[in-house]
C-alpha atoms as a PDB file:
ATOM      1  CA  UNK A   1    -185.623 180.756  29.810  1.00  0.00           C
ATOM      2  CA  UNK A   2    -188.760 181.208  31.885  1.00  0.00           C
ATOM      3  CA  UNK A   3    -189.771 178.768  34.615  1.00  0.00           C
ATOM      4  CA  UNK A   4    -193.065 176.989  35.196  1.00  0.00           C
ATOM      5  CA  UNK A   5    -194.303 175.890  38.592  1.00  0.00           C
ATOM      6  CA  UNK A   6    -196.625 172.997  39.315  1.00  0.00           C
ATOM      7  CA  UNK A   7    -198.236 172.409  42.665  1.00  0.00           C
ATOM      8  CA  UNK A   8    -198.672 168.880  43.968  1.00  0.00           C
ATOM      9  CA  UNK A   9    -202.387 168.573  44.781  1.00  0.00           C
ATOM     10  CA  UNK A  10    -202.451 165.930  47.515  1.00  0.00           C
ATOM     11  CA  UNK A  11    -200.669 163.622  49.907  1.00  0.00           C
ATOM     12  CA  UNK A  12    -197.542 164.197  51.996  1.00  0.00           C
ATOM     13  CA  UNK A  13    -196.120 166.732  49.546  1.00  0.00           C
ATOM     14  CA  UNK A  14    -199.377 168.613  49.058  1.00  0.00           C
ATOM     15  CA  UNK A  15    -198.818 172.243  47.980  1.00  0.00           C
ATOM     16  CA  UNK A  16    -195.095 171.666  47.341  1.00  0.00           C
ATOM     17  CA  UNK A  17    -193.885 172.911  43.975  1.00  0.00           C
ATOM     18  CA  UNK A  18    -192.067 171.382  41.050  1.00  0.00           C
ATOM     19  CA  UNK A  19    -190.261 174.041  39.034  1.00  0.00           C
ATOM     20  CA  UNK A  20    -188.946 173.413  35.532  1.00  0.00           C
ATOM     21  CA  UNK A  21    -187.805 175.291  32.464  1.00  0.00           C
ATOM     22  CA  UNK A  22    -190.627 176.262  30.148  1.00  0.00           C
ATOM     23  CA  UNK A  23    -189.814 173.871  27.319  1.00  0.00           C
ATOM     24  CA  UNK A  24    -192.434 174.097  24.567  1.00  0.00           C
ATOM     25  CA  UNK A  25    -192.680 170.321  24.169  1.00  0.00           C
ATOM     26  CA  UNK A  26    -193.750 169.884  27.816  1.00  0.00           C
ATOM     27  CA  UNK A  27    -197.458 169.937  28.601  1.00  0.00           C
ATOM     28  CA  UNK A  28    -197.762 168.918  32.240  1.00  0.00           C
ATOM     29  CA  UNK A  29    -201.047 167.346  33.259  1.00  0.00           C
ATOM     30  CA  UNK A  30    -203.278 170.065  34.679  1.00  0.00           C
ATOM     31  CA  UNK A  31    -203.966 170.073  38.416  1.00  0.00           C
ATOM     32  CA  UNK A  32    -207.722 169.441  38.133  1.00  0.00           C
ATOM     33  CA  UNK A  33    -207.050 166.422  35.894  1.00  0.00           C
ATOM     34  CA  UNK A  34    -204.474 165.118  38.400  1.00  0.00           C
ATOM     35  CA  UNK A  35    -207.062 165.472  41.151  1.00  0.00           C
ATOM     36  CA  UNK A  36    -209.537 163.450  39.061  1.00  0.00           C
ATOM     37  CA  UNK A  37    -206.915 160.760  38.418  1.00  0.00           C
ATOM     38  CA  UNK A  38    -205.993 160.367  42.062  1.00  0.00           C
ATOM     39  CA  UNK A  39    -209.589 160.593  43.289  1.00  0.00           C
ATOM     40  CA  UNK A  40    -210.326 157.674  40.940  1.00  0.00           C
ATOM     41  CA  UNK A  41    -207.156 155.652  41.578  1.00  0.00           C
ATOM     42  CA  UNK A  42    -205.930 154.958  45.103  1.00  0.00           C
ATOM     43  CA  UNK A  43    -202.211 154.505  44.442  1.00  0.00           C
ATOM     44  CA  UNK A  44    -201.235 153.648  48.019  1.00  0.00           C
ATOM     45  CA  UNK A  45    -198.558 150.910  47.984  1.00  0.00           C
ATOM     46  CA  UNK A  46    -198.786 150.593  44.181  1.00  0.00           C
ATOM     47  CA  UNK A  47    -195.937 150.590  41.674  1.00  0.00           C
ATOM     48  CA  UNK A  48    -196.168 153.122  38.862  1.00  0.00           C
ATOM     49  CA  UNK A  49    -194.749 153.387  35.367  1.00  0.00           C
ATOM     50  CA  UNK A  50    -194.668 156.913  33.960  1.00  0.00           C
ATOM     51  CA  UNK A  51    -194.131 156.814  30.185  1.00  0.00           C
ATOM     52  CA  UNK A  52    -193.119 160.092  28.538  1.00  0.00           C
ATOM     53  CA  UNK A  53    -192.555 161.466  32.041  1.00  0.00           C
ATOM     54  CA  UNK A  54    -191.978 165.090  31.021  1.00  0.00           C
ATOM     55  CA  UNK A  55    -192.019 167.269  34.142  1.00  0.00           C
ATOM     56  CA  UNK A  56    -192.435 164.196  36.362  1.00  0.00           C
ATOM     57  CA  UNK A  57    -195.548 165.655  37.988  1.00  0.00           C
ATOM     58  CA  UNK A  58    -197.670 162.488  37.640  1.00  0.00           C
ATOM     59  CA  UNK A  59    -195.097 160.374  39.458  1.00  0.00           C
ATOM     60  CA  UNK A  60    -194.454 163.078  42.068  1.00  0.00           C
ATOM     61  CA  UNK A  61    -198.196 163.231  42.715  1.00  0.00           C
ATOM     62  CA  UNK A  62    -198.464 159.428  42.949  1.00  0.00           C
ATOM     63  CA  UNK A  63    -195.471 159.175  45.300  1.00  0.00           C
ATOM     64  CA  UNK A  64    -196.862 161.995  47.436  1.00  0.00           C
ATOM     65  CA  UNK A  65    -200.092 160.007  47.751  1.00  0.00           C
ATOM     66  CA  UNK A  66    -198.386 156.812  48.932  1.00  0.00           C
ATOM     67  CA  UNK A  67    -197.284 154.924  45.821  1.00  0.00           C
ATOM     68  CA  UNK A  68    -194.543 152.445  46.689  1.00  0.00           C
ATOM     69  CA  UNK A  69    -192.303 153.531  43.806  1.00  0.00           C
ATOM     70  CA  UNK A  70    -192.347 154.875  40.277  1.00  0.00           C
ATOM     71  CA  UNK A  71    -190.303 154.277  37.160  1.00  0.00           C
ATOM     72  CA  UNK A  72    -190.142 157.335  34.924  1.00  0.00           C
ATOM     73  CA  UNK A  73    -189.180 156.938  31.255  1.00  0.00           C
ATOM     74  CA  UNK A  74    -188.036 160.072  29.437  1.00  0.00           C
ATOM     75  CA  UNK A  75    -185.496 160.355  26.639  1.00  0.00           C
ATOM     76  CA  UNK A  76    -184.680 164.082  26.884  1.00  0.00           C
ATOM     77  CA  UNK A  77    -181.506 164.528  29.003  1.00  0.00           C
ATOM     78  CA  UNK A  78    -182.305 168.177  29.821  1.00  0.00           C
ATOM     79  CA  UNK A  79    -185.722 167.200  31.168  1.00  0.00           C
ATOM     80  CA  UNK A  80    -184.222 164.245  33.056  1.00  0.00           C
ATOM     81  CA  UNK A  81    -181.753 166.553  34.816  1.00  0.00           C
ATOM     82  CA  UNK A  82    -184.664 168.759  35.861  1.00  0.00           C
ATOM     83  CA  UNK A  83    -186.608 165.775  37.235  1.00  0.00           C
ATOM     84  CA  UNK A  84    -183.622 164.639  39.317  1.00  0.00           C
ATOM     85  CA  UNK A  85    -183.094 168.163  40.657  1.00  0.00           C
ATOM     86  CA  UNK A  86    -186.764 168.643  41.560  1.00  0.00           C
ATOM     87  CA  UNK A  87    -187.123 165.216  43.168  1.00  0.00           C
ATOM     88  CA  UNK A  88    -183.969 165.872  45.213  1.00  0.00           C
ATOM     89  CA  UNK A  89    -185.474 169.192  46.367  1.00  0.00           C
ATOM     90  CA  UNK A  90    -188.623 167.317  47.451  1.00  0.00           C
ATOM     91  CA  UNK A  91    -186.650 164.467  49.092  1.00  0.00           C
ATOM     92  CA  UNK A  92    -188.279 161.939  46.764  1.00  0.00           C
ATOM     93  CA  UNK A  93    -186.055 158.883  46.484  1.00  0.00           C
ATOM     94  CA  UNK A  94    -188.395 155.958  45.732  1.00  0.00           C
ATOM     95  CA  UNK A  95    -188.181 156.309  41.974  1.00  0.00           C
ATOM     96  CA  UNK A  96    -185.987 155.312  39.075  1.00  0.00           C
ATOM     97  CA  UNK A  97    -185.453 157.407  35.987  1.00  0.00           C
ATOM     98  CA  UNK A  98    -184.789 155.660  32.689  1.00  0.00           C
ATOM     99  CA  UNK A  99    -183.194 157.836  30.014  1.00  0.00           C
ATOM    100  CA  UNK A 100    -184.400 156.040  26.920  1.00  0.00           C
ATOM    101  CA  UNK A 101    -187.197 155.969  24.402  1.00  0.00           C
ATOM    102  CA  UNK A 102    -190.440 154.398  25.569  1.00  0.00           C
ATOM    103  CA  UNK A 103    -190.281 151.867  22.736  1.00  0.00           C
ATOM    104  CA  UNK A 104    -186.790 150.692  23.743  1.00  0.00           C
ATOM    105  CA  UNK A 105    -187.786 150.541  27.405  1.00  0.00           C
ATOM    106  CA  UNK A 106    -190.963 148.531  26.788  1.00  0.00           C
ATOM    107  CA  UNK A 107    -189.287 146.027  24.482  1.00  0.00           C
ATOM    108  CA  UNK A 108    -186.159 145.524  26.648  1.00  0.00           C
ATOM    109  CA  UNK A 109    -187.651 145.689  30.146  1.00  0.00           C
ATOM    110  CA  UNK A 110    -187.981 142.361  31.946  1.00  0.00           C
ATOM    111  CA  UNK A 111    -190.444 143.602  34.598  1.00  0.00           C
ATOM    112  CA  UNK A 112    -193.894 144.026  33.067  1.00  0.00           C
ATOM    113  CA  UNK A 113    -195.747 144.343  36.383  1.00  0.00           C
ATOM    114  CA  UNK A 114    -196.777 147.893  37.197  1.00  0.00           C
ATOM    115  CA  UNK A 115    -199.995 148.578  39.074  1.00  0.00           C
ATOM    116  CA  UNK A 116    -200.517 151.965  37.418  1.00  0.00           C
ATOM    117  CA  UNK A 117    -199.239 153.035  33.998  1.00  0.00           C
ATOM    118  CA  UNK A 118    -199.338 156.702  32.979  1.00  0.00           C
ATOM    119  CA  UNK A 119    -199.115 157.322  29.215  1.00  0.00           C
ATOM    120  CA  UNK A 120    -198.823 160.961  28.161  1.00  0.00           C
ATOM    121  CA  UNK A 121    -196.902 161.134  24.864  1.00  0.00           C
ATOM    122  CA  UNK A 122    -196.187 164.316  22.924  1.00  0.00           C
ATOM    123  CA  UNK A 123    -199.222 165.568  21.047  1.00  0.00           C
ATOM    124  CA  UNK A 124    -199.328 165.489  17.245  1.00  0.00           C
ATOM    125  CA  UNK A 125    -197.580 162.094  17.117  1.00  0.00           C
ATOM    126  CA  UNK A 126    -198.669 158.479  16.675  1.00  0.00           C
ATOM    127  CA  UNK A 127    -196.894 157.521  19.896  1.00  0.00           C
ATOM    128  CA  UNK A 128    -200.054 156.789  21.903  1.00  0.00           C
ATOM    129  CA  UNK A 129    -201.216 154.112  19.470  1.00  0.00           C
ATOM    130  CA  UNK A 130    -197.708 152.650  19.160  1.00  0.00           C
ATOM    131  CA  UNK A 131    -197.307 152.581  22.941  1.00  0.00           C
ATOM    132  CA  UNK A 132    -200.655 150.865  23.513  1.00  0.00           C
ATOM    133  CA  UNK A 133    -199.707 148.182  20.966  1.00  0.00           C
ATOM    134  CA  UNK A 134    -196.352 147.596  22.676  1.00  0.00           C
ATOM    135  CA  UNK A 135    -197.976 147.403  26.115  1.00  0.00           C
ATOM    136  CA  UNK A 136    -200.392 144.797  24.796  1.00  0.00           C
ATOM    137  CA  UNK A 137    -197.786 142.854  22.834  1.00  0.00           C
ATOM    138  CA  UNK A 138    -195.303 142.657  25.722  1.00  0.00           C
ATOM    139  CA  UNK A 139    -197.860 141.712  28.384  1.00  0.00           C
ATOM    140  CA  UNK A 140    -198.011 144.936  30.396  1.00  0.00           C
ATOM    141  CA  UNK A 141    -201.822 145.044  30.189  1.00  0.00           C
ATOM    142  CA  UNK A 142    -202.143 141.680  31.889  1.00  0.00           C
ATOM    143  CA  UNK A 143    -200.028 142.644  34.867  1.00  0.00           C
ATOM    144  CA  UNK A 144    -201.445 146.018  35.760  1.00  0.00           C
ATOM    145  CA  UNK A 145    -204.528 147.423  37.456  1.00  0.00           C
ATOM    146  CA  UNK A 146    -204.946 150.986  36.135  1.00  0.00           C
ATOM    147  CA  UNK A 147    -204.011 152.933  33.026  1.00  0.00           C
ATOM    148  CA  UNK A 148    -204.063 156.669  32.508  1.00  0.00           C
ATOM    149  CA  UNK A 149    -203.915 157.978  28.930  1.00  0.00           C
ATOM    150  CA  UNK A 150    -203.688 161.592  27.842  1.00  0.00           C
ATOM    151  CA  UNK A 151    -203.938 162.954  24.316  1.00  0.00           C
ATOM    152  CA  UNK A 152    -204.916 165.966  22.280  1.00  0.00           C
ATOM    153  CA  UNK A 153    -208.711 166.228  22.076  1.00  0.00           C
ATOM    154  CA  UNK A 154    -208.510 166.859  18.326  1.00  0.00           C
ATOM    155  CA  UNK A 155    -206.762 163.520  17.768  1.00  0.00           C
ATOM    156  CA  UNK A 156    -208.804 161.470  20.277  1.00  0.00           C
ATOM    157  CA  UNK A 157    -209.447 158.166  18.541  1.00  0.00           C
ATOM    158  CA  UNK A 158    -211.452 155.426  20.270  1.00  0.00           C
ATOM    159  CA  UNK A 159    -210.065 152.874  17.807  1.00  0.00           C
ATOM    160  CA  UNK A 160    -206.797 153.074  19.737  1.00  0.00           C
ATOM    161  CA  UNK A 161    -208.549 151.336  22.632  1.00  0.00           C
ATOM    162  CA  UNK A 162    -209.361 148.069  20.803  1.00  0.00           C
ATOM    163  CA  UNK A 163    -206.562 146.052  22.451  1.00  0.00           C
ATOM    164  CA  UNK A 164    -207.054 147.888  25.715  1.00  0.00           C
ATOM    165  CA  UNK A 165    -210.733 146.905  25.877  1.00  0.00           C
ATOM    166  CA  UNK A 166    -209.773 143.212  25.851  1.00  0.00           C
ATOM    167  CA  UNK A 167    -208.198 143.583  29.266  1.00  0.00           C
ATOM    168  CA  UNK A 168    -209.588 146.816  30.784  1.00  0.00           C
ATOM    169  CA  UNK A 169    -212.827 148.731  31.247  1.00  0.00           C
ATOM    170  CA  UNK A 170    -213.025 152.488  30.860  1.00  0.00           C
ATOM    171  CA  UNK A 171    -213.725 154.294  34.120  1.00  0.00           C
ATOM    172  CA  UNK A 172    -213.457 157.789  32.666  1.00  0.00           C
ATOM    173  CA  UNK A 173    -213.054 159.062  29.128  1.00  0.00           C
ATOM    174  CA  UNK A 174    -213.339 162.842  29.319  1.00  0.00           C
ATOM    175  CA  UNK A 175    -212.216 165.990  27.564  1.00  0.00           C
ATOM    176  CA  UNK A 176    -211.395 169.344  29.086  1.00  0.00           C
ATOM    177  CA  UNK A 177    -210.230 172.152  26.829  1.00  0.00           C
ATOM    178  CA  UNK A 178    -207.839 170.655  24.284  1.00  0.00           C
ATOM    179  CA  UNK A 179    -207.041 167.590  26.460  1.00  0.00           C
ATOM    180  CA  UNK A 180    -208.718 164.191  26.368  1.00  0.00           C
ATOM    181  CA  UNK A 181    -207.922 161.820  29.186  1.00  0.00           C
ATOM    182  CA  UNK A 182    -208.891 158.260  29.916  1.00  0.00           C
ATOM    183  CA  UNK A 183    -208.680 156.168  33.074  1.00  0.00           C
ATOM    184  CA  UNK A 184    -209.088 152.423  32.663  1.00  0.00           C
ATOM    185  CA  UNK A 185    -209.147 149.527  35.148  1.00  0.00           C
ATOM    186  CA  UNK A 186    -208.239 145.922  34.496  1.00  0.00           C
ATOM    187  CA  UNK A 187    -211.229 143.641  34.131  1.00  0.00           C
ATOM    188  CA  UNK A 188    -211.898 141.359  37.099  1.00  0.00           C
END
């Protein structure tokens, strides 16, 4: 199986690499999008929740840039083993990895306070809409500051943001190539 390498774009681990097996279901967030995210959101001393963590690059980037800690939720055990291995190689230890579905995590988790929530579900699914509904229903929107959403440009649907707009304002809603991404901030 071939390997993919991702470079962390900023912070203490800038230019360090995350290497992982080229699994077709993984679509790591591109470096220029990560730079946009972290130029928009100052994550220093913030807690992060990384839903559908995949390669773990969003949390690695946030932790490199001074986030206090990150909780990664990923239900694929092969991918989880890769995240643990890569984070060990980078000496990242201020994270927790939850091997479960996002739905189970969001409905069972007692802590709903995360400053930054990354949501990057597999494309060609309804998981983004389902996840946004769960976040709203279980109070995660009220206890956070920033949200990052990523989806396939072809399936970008503004109607998904109805609940989100009650609590957040859109800072960026952009498309690059086949990727649409949105950064939102909690209303004052």
